[in-house]
Amino acid sequence: MKSNLSNPIYSIDSESKKYHDLKEVLEKQLHEVSSITYSALAYDSYWIAALSLDKNNTTFNNSSENLTKSFKEIVVETAESLDEGISGKIKLNKAGDRIGENYDFWIVAKDNHTQSFEWVREHNFSIGS
């Protein structure tokens, strides 16, 4: 808090139905959830990996050279073919990294009622808005 650290994190659409469904499940199991960004990104990543492995196993033989070259292409195709993940529409660049346009910036703040410290969203940055 004293250093004024501002932590950027990929921002997901908190108004989507998929977001609310995941948050509801997590709240039932964990009893308290402040942010589900990491959970949503992990969930989408898991499904892209699982679907890509399934496509790889049914499409290609297991030669290591072919597997290495082709699997990256399969992951990109799989990610871009998903209608929409919990974290939103997934677009990848040529390197296979996610292209993101929205970021939240979080800071540590003190809750005056509980005297505890917590992360709070300070600002949202969206390219094109």
Protein backbone atom coordinates (compact mmCIF):
# COMPACT_ATOMS: atom_id res chain seq x y z
CA MET A 1 0.00 0.00 0.00
CA LYS A 2 2.85 2.39 0.84
CA SER A 3 4.53 1.80 -2.53
CA ASN A 4 1.29 2.50 -4.47
CA LEU A 5 1.65 -0.74 -6.42
CA SER A 6 -0.92 -1.00 -9.17
CA ASN A 7 -1.29 -4.57 -10.45
CA PRO A 8 -2.70 -5.09 -13.97
CA ILE A 9 -4.77 -8.19 -14.70
CA TYR A 10 -6.68 -9.25 -17.79
CA SER A 11 -10.27 -8.08 -17.42
CA ILE A 12 -13.21 -10.34 -18.18
CA ASP A 13 -16.81 -9.32 -18.82
CA SER A 14 -18.46 -9.43 -15.40
CA GLU A 15 -21.89 -8.97 -17.01
CA SER A 16 -21.87 -12.25 -18.97
CA LYS A 17 -24.08 -15.17 -17.94
CA LYS A 18 -21.11 -17.59 -17.98
CA TYR A 19 -19.25 -15.31 -15.55
CA HIS A 20 -22.20 -15.22 -13.13
CA ASP A 21 -22.71 -19.00 -13.37
CA LEU A 22 -19.05 -19.68 -12.48
CA LYS A 23 -19.08 -17.12 -9.68
CA GLU A 24 -22.22 -18.71 -8.21
CA VAL A 25 -20.64 -22.19 -8.22
CA LEU A 26 -17.43 -20.89 -6.62
CA GLU A 27 -19.33 -18.96 -3.95
CA LYS A 28 -21.32 -22.09 -3.03
CA GLN A 29 -18.16 -24.14 -2.66
CA LEU A 30 -15.77 -21.54 -1.24
CA HIS A 31 -18.33 -19.31 0.54
CA GLU A 32 -16.58 -16.10 -0.54
CA VAL A 33 -15.15 -15.05 -3.90
CA SER A 34 -13.84 -11.57 -4.60
CA SER A 35 -12.54 -12.09 -8.15
CA ILE A 36 -12.87 -15.01 -10.52
CA THR A 37 -10.58 -13.74 -13.25
CA TYR A 38 -7.90 -16.39 -12.66
CA SER A 39 -10.54 -19.11 -12.34
CA ALA A 40 -12.18 -18.09 -15.62
CA LEU A 41 -8.85 -17.95 -17.47
CA ALA A 42 -7.80 -21.33 -16.04
CA TYR A 43 -11.16 -22.88 -16.98
CA ASP A 44 -10.94 -21.63 -20.57
CA SER A 45 -7.29 -22.71 -20.83
CA TYR A 46 -8.13 -26.19 -19.57
CA TRP A 47 -10.89 -26.67 -22.16
CA ILE A 48 -8.74 -25.39 -25.01
CA ALA A 49 -5.97 -27.81 -23.99
CA ALA A 50 -8.35 -30.77 -23.57
CA LEU A 51 -10.13 -30.17 -26.88
CA SER A 52 -6.80 -29.65 -28.64
CA LEU A 53 -5.41 -32.92 -27.26
CA ASP A 54 -8.54 -34.73 -28.39
CA LYS A 55 -8.23 -33.27 -31.91
CA ASN A 56 -4.52 -34.14 -31.96
CA ASN A 57 -5.11 -37.76 -30.94
CA THR A 58 -7.76 -38.29 -33.60
CA THR A 59 -6.02 -36.37 -36.41
CA PHE A 60 -2.27 -36.92 -36.27
CA ASN A 61 0.13 -39.78 -35.76
CA ASN A 62 2.46 -39.57 -32.79
CA SER A 63 5.76 -38.71 -34.48
CA SER A 64 7.37 -36.07 -32.24
CA GLU A 65 8.26 -33.69 -35.09
CA ASN A 66 4.76 -33.72 -36.52
CA LEU A 67 3.22 -33.50 -33.03
CA THR A 68 5.26 -30.43 -32.05
CA LYS A 69 4.63 -28.54 -35.27
CA SER A 70 0.97 -29.44 -35.60
CA PHE A 71 -0.14 -29.16 -31.98
CA LYS A 72 0.49 -25.40 -31.86
CA GLU A 73 -1.68 -25.00 -34.93
CA ILE A 74 -4.38 -27.16 -33.34
CA VAL A 75 -4.38 -25.06 -30.15
CA VAL A 76 -4.76 -21.81 -32.13
CA GLU A 77 -7.57 -23.29 -34.25
CA THR A 78 -9.34 -24.69 -31.20
CA ALA A 79 -9.15 -21.44 -29.23
CA GLU A 80 -10.45 -19.38 -32.12
CA SER A 81 -13.22 -21.87 -32.92
CA LEU A 82 -14.77 -21.61 -29.46
CA ASP A 83 -17.90 -19.50 -29.56
CA GLU A 84 -16.96 -17.75 -26.34
CA GLY A 85 -15.22 -18.83 -23.16
CA ILE A 86 -16.02 -17.67 -19.66
CA SER A 87 -13.31 -15.04 -20.10
CA GLY A 88 -14.83 -13.82 -23.38
CA LYS A 89 -14.01 -14.29 -27.06
CA ILE A 90 -10.52 -15.72 -27.44
CA LYS A 91 -8.27 -14.22 -30.12
CA LEU A 92 -4.62 -15.21 -30.48
CA ASN A 93 -1.67 -13.54 -32.21
CA LYS A 94 0.83 -15.32 -34.50
CA ALA A 95 2.85 -16.49 -31.50
CA GLY A 96 -0.23 -18.09 -29.94
CA ASP A 97 -0.53 -15.49 -27.16
CA ARG A 98 -3.91 -14.10 -26.24
CA ILE A 99 -4.72 -10.68 -27.64
CA GLY A 100 -6.46 -8.77 -24.89
CA GLU A 101 -7.98 -5.34 -24.96
CA ASN A 102 -9.23 -4.96 -21.41
CA TYR A 103 -7.24 -4.74 -18.20
CA ASP A 104 -8.17 -4.00 -14.61
CA PHE A 105 -5.67 -2.30 -12.31
CA TRP A 106 -5.81 -3.36 -8.67
CA ILE A 107 -4.32 -1.68 -5.61
CA VAL A 108 -4.02 -2.64 -1.95
CA ALA A 109 -6.36 -0.61 0.24
CA LYS A 110 -7.27 -0.64 3.92
CA ASP A 111 -10.82 -1.43 4.96
CA ASN A 112 -11.58 1.11 7.70
CA HIS A 113 -14.24 -1.10 9.30
CA THR A 114 -12.18 -4.27 9.64
CA GLN A 115 -8.73 -2.63 9.62
CA SER A 116 -7.63 -5.32 7.17
CA PHE A 117 -5.95 -4.87 3.80
CA GLU A 118 -7.48 -6.08 0.55
CA TRP A 119 -7.10 -5.79 -3.20
CA VAL A 120 -9.60 -3.40 -4.80
CA ARG A 121 -10.07 -2.48 -8.45
CA GLU A 122 -8.81 1.02 -9.02
CA HIS A 123 -9.18 1.41 -12.77
CA ASN A 124 -10.19 -0.39 -15.97
CA PHE A 125 -8.31 0.19 -19.22
CA SER A 126 -9.96 -0.80 -22.48
CA ILE A 127 -8.35 -0.32 -25.88
CA GLY A 128 -10.77 1.25 -28.28
CA SER A 129 -13.08 2.82 -25.72
